Amino acid sequence: MIKFFSKIRQRLLTENKFSKYLLYAIGEIVLVVIGILIALSINTWNHNLADEKKSKIILENLHEEFVLHKEKLAFALPNYAIGINANINLVNLCGHDSITLTALQIDTILSQTFKGAPFNPPQPILDELLNTGNLNLIQNKKLQQYLFEWESKNKHFKLVYSAYWQFDSDQLAPYLNKHWSWKNLEIAGGTAYWKDRSKLKTNVNAMFQDIEFENLFTTNAFHLTRLQNELKQMDQLLISIIAETEIN
């Protein structure tokens, strides 16, 4: 093809037909430009098609990941409700002249006050998108906003839980070490380690007359309620993310 155009060009120049050669040259340039534009268009189309496929795979993986988050959260939330109610029940017993509950019943309530479990589900898909900057492959701006909000709430929950854990470790657990049997609490919680309750005596009435006991479990209820509220907000956000990642 190149030899063909070269021969034509030489012929036109030889015959001194400059105007025809000029038109021919312009036509050559136009053809080259059109060819380049077509090649660029094909390349852009292929690139967009590849991004569209990647985006679809990302949405499918995110949907699966956040559905699992929803299931784990649905399991965690009822435990927080149990823990909050147990703390409230203990605090309401404080100050009474006599406690009619048996030691076993108190063990059960005490064991339930620690029901606030951490919520830290693995999220490899979202982490990879955030770390690599591939979140831009998602064209849905609303979904992008939800994912950034989720990451923020997830980090905040961990901070709040860390404060709760610090309180339990530094204040609540040391108090129970002195005034109650962990062995009995583990039995009440369903552990298989122990068969017989502790033979050591505890002064139930004295404990429920202790202002420190009341304050500790009031604070424990506060922490669990705060965490429960955080999880409820995350649960609502999960609903939105799952809806936006649904592929029809």
Protein backbone atom coordinates (compact mmCIF):
# COMPACT_ATOMS: atom_id res chain seq x y z
CA MET A 1 0.00 0.00 0.00
CA ILE A 2 2.85 2.41 0.85
CA LYS A 3 4.61 1.63 -2.45
CA PHE A 4 1.34 2.25 -4.29
CA PHE A 5 0.89 5.74 -2.82
CA SER A 6 4.56 6.49 -3.42
CA LYS A 7 4.28 5.68 -7.14
CA ILE A 8 1.21 7.89 -7.49
CA ARG A 9 2.98 10.72 -5.74
CA GLN A 10 6.00 10.45 -8.04
CA ARG A 11 3.80 10.38 -11.09
CA LEU A 12 1.89 13.51 -10.09
CA LEU A 13 5.08 15.40 -9.39
CA THR A 14 6.59 14.26 -12.70
CA GLU A 15 3.57 15.49 -14.65
CA ASN A 16 3.78 18.83 -12.80
CA LYS A 17 0.29 18.49 -11.51
CA PHE A 18 0.96 20.13 -8.16
CA SER A 19 -2.66 20.95 -7.31
CA LYS A 20 -3.71 17.35 -7.74
CA TYR A 21 -0.77 16.21 -5.64
CA LEU A 22 -1.72 18.66 -2.89
CA LEU A 23 -5.23 17.29 -2.80
CA TYR A 24 -3.84 13.81 -2.73
CA ALA A 25 -1.49 14.68 0.14
CA ILE A 26 -4.34 16.21 2.12
CA GLY A 27 -6.39 13.10 1.50
CA GLU A 28 -3.52 10.99 2.79
CA ILE A 29 -3.34 13.04 5.98
CA VAL A 30 -7.09 12.80 6.48
CA LEU A 31 -6.96 9.03 6.08
CA VAL A 32 -4.13 8.77 8.59
CA VAL A 33 -5.98 10.97 11.10
CA ILE A 34 -9.17 8.95 10.64
CA GLY A 35 -7.20 5.76 11.20
CA ILE A 36 -5.67 7.12 14.39
CA LEU A 37 -9.07 8.28 15.68
CA ILE A 38 -10.59 4.88 14.94
CA ALA A 39 -7.74 3.15 16.75
CA LEU A 40 -8.11 5.46 19.75
CA SER A 41 -11.86 4.89 19.81
CA ILE A 42 -11.41 1.13 19.75
CA ASN A 43 -8.81 1.34 22.52
CA THR A 44 -11.07 3.58 24.63
CA TRP A 45 -14.02 1.25 24.04
CA ASN A 46 -11.97 -1.78 25.08
CA HIS A 47 -10.71 0.09 28.16
CA ASN A 48 -14.24 1.12 29.17
CA LEU A 49 -15.49 -2.43 28.61
CA ALA A 50 -12.71 -3.79 30.85
CA ASP A 51 -13.51 -1.22 33.56
CA GLU A 52 -17.20 -2.10 33.32
CA LYS A 53 -16.42 -5.78 33.84
CA LYS A 54 -14.15 -4.94 36.80
CA SER A 55 -16.84 -2.71 38.27
CA LYS A 56 -19.43 -5.47 38.03
CA ILE A 57 -17.11 -7.97 39.73
CA ILE A 58 -16.34 -5.43 42.47
CA LEU A 59 -20.04 -4.82 43.10
CA GLU A 60 -20.73 -8.55 43.30
CA ASN A 61 -17.89 -9.08 45.77
CA LEU A 62 -18.86 -6.07 47.87
CA HIS A 63 -22.46 -7.25 47.98
CA GLU A 64 -21.40 -10.67 49.25
CA GLU A 65 -19.02 -9.13 51.79
CA PHE A 66 -21.61 -6.76 53.26
CA VAL A 67 -24.35 -9.38 53.35
CA LEU A 68 -22.01 -11.35 55.63
CA HIS A 69 -21.48 -8.20 57.74
CA LYS A 70 -25.27 -7.91 58.10
CA GLU A 71 -25.55 -11.51 59.26
CA LYS A 72 -22.79 -11.09 61.86
CA LEU A 73 -24.32 -7.86 63.12
CA ALA A 74 -27.75 -9.47 63.39
CA PHE A 75 -26.15 -12.02 65.71
CA ALA A 76 -24.28 -9.42 67.80
CA LEU A 77 -27.09 -6.92 68.48
CA PRO A 78 -29.37 -9.21 70.57
CA ASN A 79 -26.42 -10.02 72.86
CA TYR A 80 -25.95 -6.32 73.56
CA ALA A 81 -29.61 -6.06 74.53
CA ILE A 82 -29.17 -8.98 76.95
CA GLY A 83 -26.08 -7.39 78.45
CA ILE A 84 -27.75 -4.00 78.93
CA ASN A 85 -30.80 -5.54 80.63
CA ALA A 86 -28.58 -7.61 82.92
CA ASN A 87 -26.69 -4.50 84.06
CA ILE A 88 -29.94 -2.62 84.64
CA ASN A 89 -31.34 -5.51 86.68
CA LEU A 90 -28.25 -5.55 88.91
CA VAL A 91 -28.31 -1.80 89.46
CA ASN A 92 -32.02 -1.92 90.34
CA LEU A 93 -31.22 -4.44 93.09
CA CYS A 94 -28.74 -2.10 94.74
CA GLY A 95 -29.81 -0.50 98.03
CA HIS A 96 -32.43 -3.09 98.97
CA ASP A 97 -32.25 -4.36 102.54
CA SER A 98 -32.36 -7.99 101.48
CA ILE A 99 -31.80 -9.79 98.18
CA THR A 100 -34.26 -12.61 97.50
CA LEU A 101 -32.39 -13.92 94.46
CA THR A 102 -30.24 -17.00 94.95
CA ALA A 103 -26.50 -16.91 94.35
CA LEU A 104 -27.04 -19.00 91.19
CA GLN A 105 -29.55 -16.46 89.84
CA ILE A 106 -27.12 -13.63 90.54
CA ASP A 107 -24.38 -15.61 88.79
CA THR A 108 -26.56 -15.84 85.70
CA ILE A 109 -27.27 -12.11 85.66
CA LEU A 110 -23.62 -11.23 86.28
CA SER A 111 -22.44 -13.50 83.48
CA GLN A 112 -24.85 -11.77 81.09
CA THR A 113 -23.41 -8.32 81.83
CA PHE A 114 -20.41 -9.20 79.65
CA LYS A 115 -22.50 -9.99 76.55
CA GLY A 116 -21.13 -7.04 74.57
CA ALA A 117 -18.86 -8.83 72.10
CA PRO A 118 -16.54 -7.02 69.64
CA PHE A 119 -17.69 -6.55 66.06
CA ASN A 120 -14.74 -6.67 63.69
CA PRO A 121 -15.71 -8.58 60.54
CA PRO A 122 -13.00 -9.12 57.90
CA GLN A 123 -13.50 -6.96 54.79
CA PRO A 124 -10.72 -7.82 52.31
CA ILE A 125 -12.64 -6.47 49.29
CA LEU A 126 -13.26 -3.00 50.72
CA ASP A 127 -9.77 -2.80 52.23
CA GLU A 128 -8.18 -3.58 48.87
CA LEU A 129 -10.30 -0.96 47.11
CA LEU A 130 -9.35 1.69 49.66
CA ASN A 131 -5.66 0.78 49.70
CA THR A 132 -5.24 0.60 45.91
CA GLY A 133 -7.45 3.55 45.00
CA ASN A 134 -9.66 1.32 42.83
CA LEU A 135 -12.75 2.64 44.57
CA ASN A 136 -12.98 5.08 41.65
CA LEU A 137 -13.98 2.15 39.44
CA ILE A 138 -17.37 2.35 41.17
CA GLN A 139 -19.41 4.89 39.21
CA ASN A 140 -22.16 5.02 41.83
CA LYS A 141 -21.27 8.14 43.84
CA LYS A 142 -23.88 7.37 46.49
CA LEU A 143 -22.31 3.95 47.05
CA GLN A 144 -18.86 5.52 47.29
CA GLN A 145 -20.17 7.88 49.98
CA TYR A 146 -21.76 4.97 51.88
CA LEU A 147 -18.49 2.98 51.79
CA PHE A 148 -16.45 5.90 53.12
CA GLU A 149 -19.07 6.42 55.84
CA TRP A 150 -18.94 2.72 56.72
CA GLU A 151 -15.17 2.80 57.07
CA SER A 152 -15.44 5.83 59.36
CA LYS A 153 -18.12 4.24 61.55
CA ASN A 154 -16.23 0.96 61.70
CA LYS A 155 -13.11 2.70 63.00
CA HIS A 156 -15.15 4.73 65.51
CA PHE A 157 -16.83 1.59 66.84
CA LYS A 158 -13.41 0.05 67.48
CA LEU A 159 -12.38 3.13 69.47
CA VAL A 160 -15.56 3.04 71.54
CA TYR A 161 -15.16 -0.69 72.14
CA SER A 162 -11.55 -0.16 73.18
CA ALA A 163 -12.72 2.29 75.86
CA TYR A 164 -15.31 -0.25 77.07
CA TRP A 165 -12.71 -3.02 77.21
CA GLN A 166 -10.31 -0.76 79.10
CA PHE A 167 -13.00 -0.01 81.69
CA ASP A 168 -13.81 -3.69 82.16
CA SER A 169 -10.15 -4.64 82.46
CA ASP A 170 -9.09 -1.81 84.77
CA GLN A 171 -12.14 -1.43 87.02
CA LEU A 172 -14.91 -3.99 86.70
CA ALA A 173 -12.83 -7.18 86.57
CA PRO A 174 -10.60 -6.21 89.54
CA TYR A 175 -13.71 -5.52 91.62
CA LEU A 176 -15.22 -8.92 90.83
CA ASN A 177 -11.86 -10.54 91.59
CA LYS A 178 -12.29 -9.44 95.19
CA HIS A 179 -16.02 -9.89 95.67
CA TRP A 180 -17.28 -12.73 93.46
CA SER A 181 -16.26 -16.09 92.00
CA TRP A 182 -15.31 -16.18 88.31
CA LYS A 183 -15.69 -19.93 88.51
CA ASN A 184 -19.36 -19.54 89.38
CA LEU A 185 -19.84 -16.99 86.59
CA GLU A 186 -18.30 -19.34 84.04
CA ILE A 187 -20.60 -22.16 85.15
CA ALA A 188 -23.60 -19.85 84.85
CA GLY A 189 -22.39 -18.82 81.39
CA GLY A 190 -22.39 -22.44 80.23
CA THR A 191 -18.70 -23.31 80.33
CA ALA A 192 -17.76 -26.97 80.50
CA TYR A 193 -14.53 -26.41 82.43
CA TRP A 194 -16.08 -26.65 85.90
CA LYS A 195 -18.66 -28.99 87.37
CA ASP A 196 -18.98 -27.77 90.96
CA ARG A 197 -19.56 -24.24 92.18
CA SER A 198 -16.96 -22.49 94.31
CA LYS A 199 -16.98 -23.48 97.97
CA LEU A 200 -15.84 -20.00 99.00
CA LYS A 201 -18.52 -17.78 100.52
CA THR A 202 -19.50 -14.35 99.19
CA ASN A 203 -21.52 -11.66 100.95
CA VAL A 204 -24.33 -10.97 98.48
CA ASN A 205 -26.16 -8.40 100.59
CA ALA A 206 -22.99 -6.44 101.32
CA MET A 207 -22.14 -6.26 97.63
CA PHE A 208 -25.54 -4.82 96.72
CA GLN A 209 -25.14 -2.20 99.43
CA ASP A 210 -21.80 -1.08 98.00
CA ILE A 211 -21.89 2.21 96.06
CA GLU A 212 -18.87 1.10 94.03
CA PHE A 213 -20.78 -1.96 92.80
CA GLU A 214 -23.70 0.23 91.72
CA ASN A 215 -21.43 2.71 89.95
CA LEU A 216 -19.48 0.03 88.13
CA PHE A 217 -22.51 -1.64 86.62
CA THR A 218 -24.17 1.69 85.86
CA THR A 219 -21.06 2.58 83.87
CA ASN A 220 -21.01 -0.85 82.26
CA ALA A 221 -24.60 -0.34 81.10
CA PHE A 222 -23.61 3.06 79.67
CA HIS A 223 -20.77 1.54 77.63
CA LEU A 224 -22.94 -1.28 76.27
CA THR A 225 -25.75 1.12 75.36
CA ARG A 226 -23.31 3.37 73.55
CA LEU A 227 -21.92 0.41 71.61
CA GLN A 228 -25.41 -0.84 70.82
CA ASN A 229 -26.33 2.55 69.35
CA GLU A 230 -23.18 2.52 67.22
CA LEU A 231 -24.07 -0.91 65.88
CA LYS A 232 -27.65 0.13 65.11
CA GLN A 233 -26.36 3.01 62.99
CA MET A 234 -23.98 0.64 61.22
CA ASP A 235 -26.86 -1.76 60.63
CA GLN A 236 -28.88 0.96 58.86
CA LEU A 237 -25.85 1.80 56.73
CA LEU A 238 -25.45 -1.87 55.84
CA ILE A 239 -28.98 -1.92 54.47
CA SER A 240 -28.15 1.00 52.16
CA ILE A 241 -24.86 -0.52 50.97
CA ILE A 242 -26.45 -3.90 50.25
CA ALA A 243 -29.20 -2.19 48.26
CA GLU A 244 -26.70 -0.14 46.20
CA THR A 245 -24.51 -3.17 45.42
CA GLU A 246 -27.46 -5.27 44.25
CA ILE A 247 -27.04 -6.09 40.54
CA ASN A 248 -30.34 -6.53 38.72
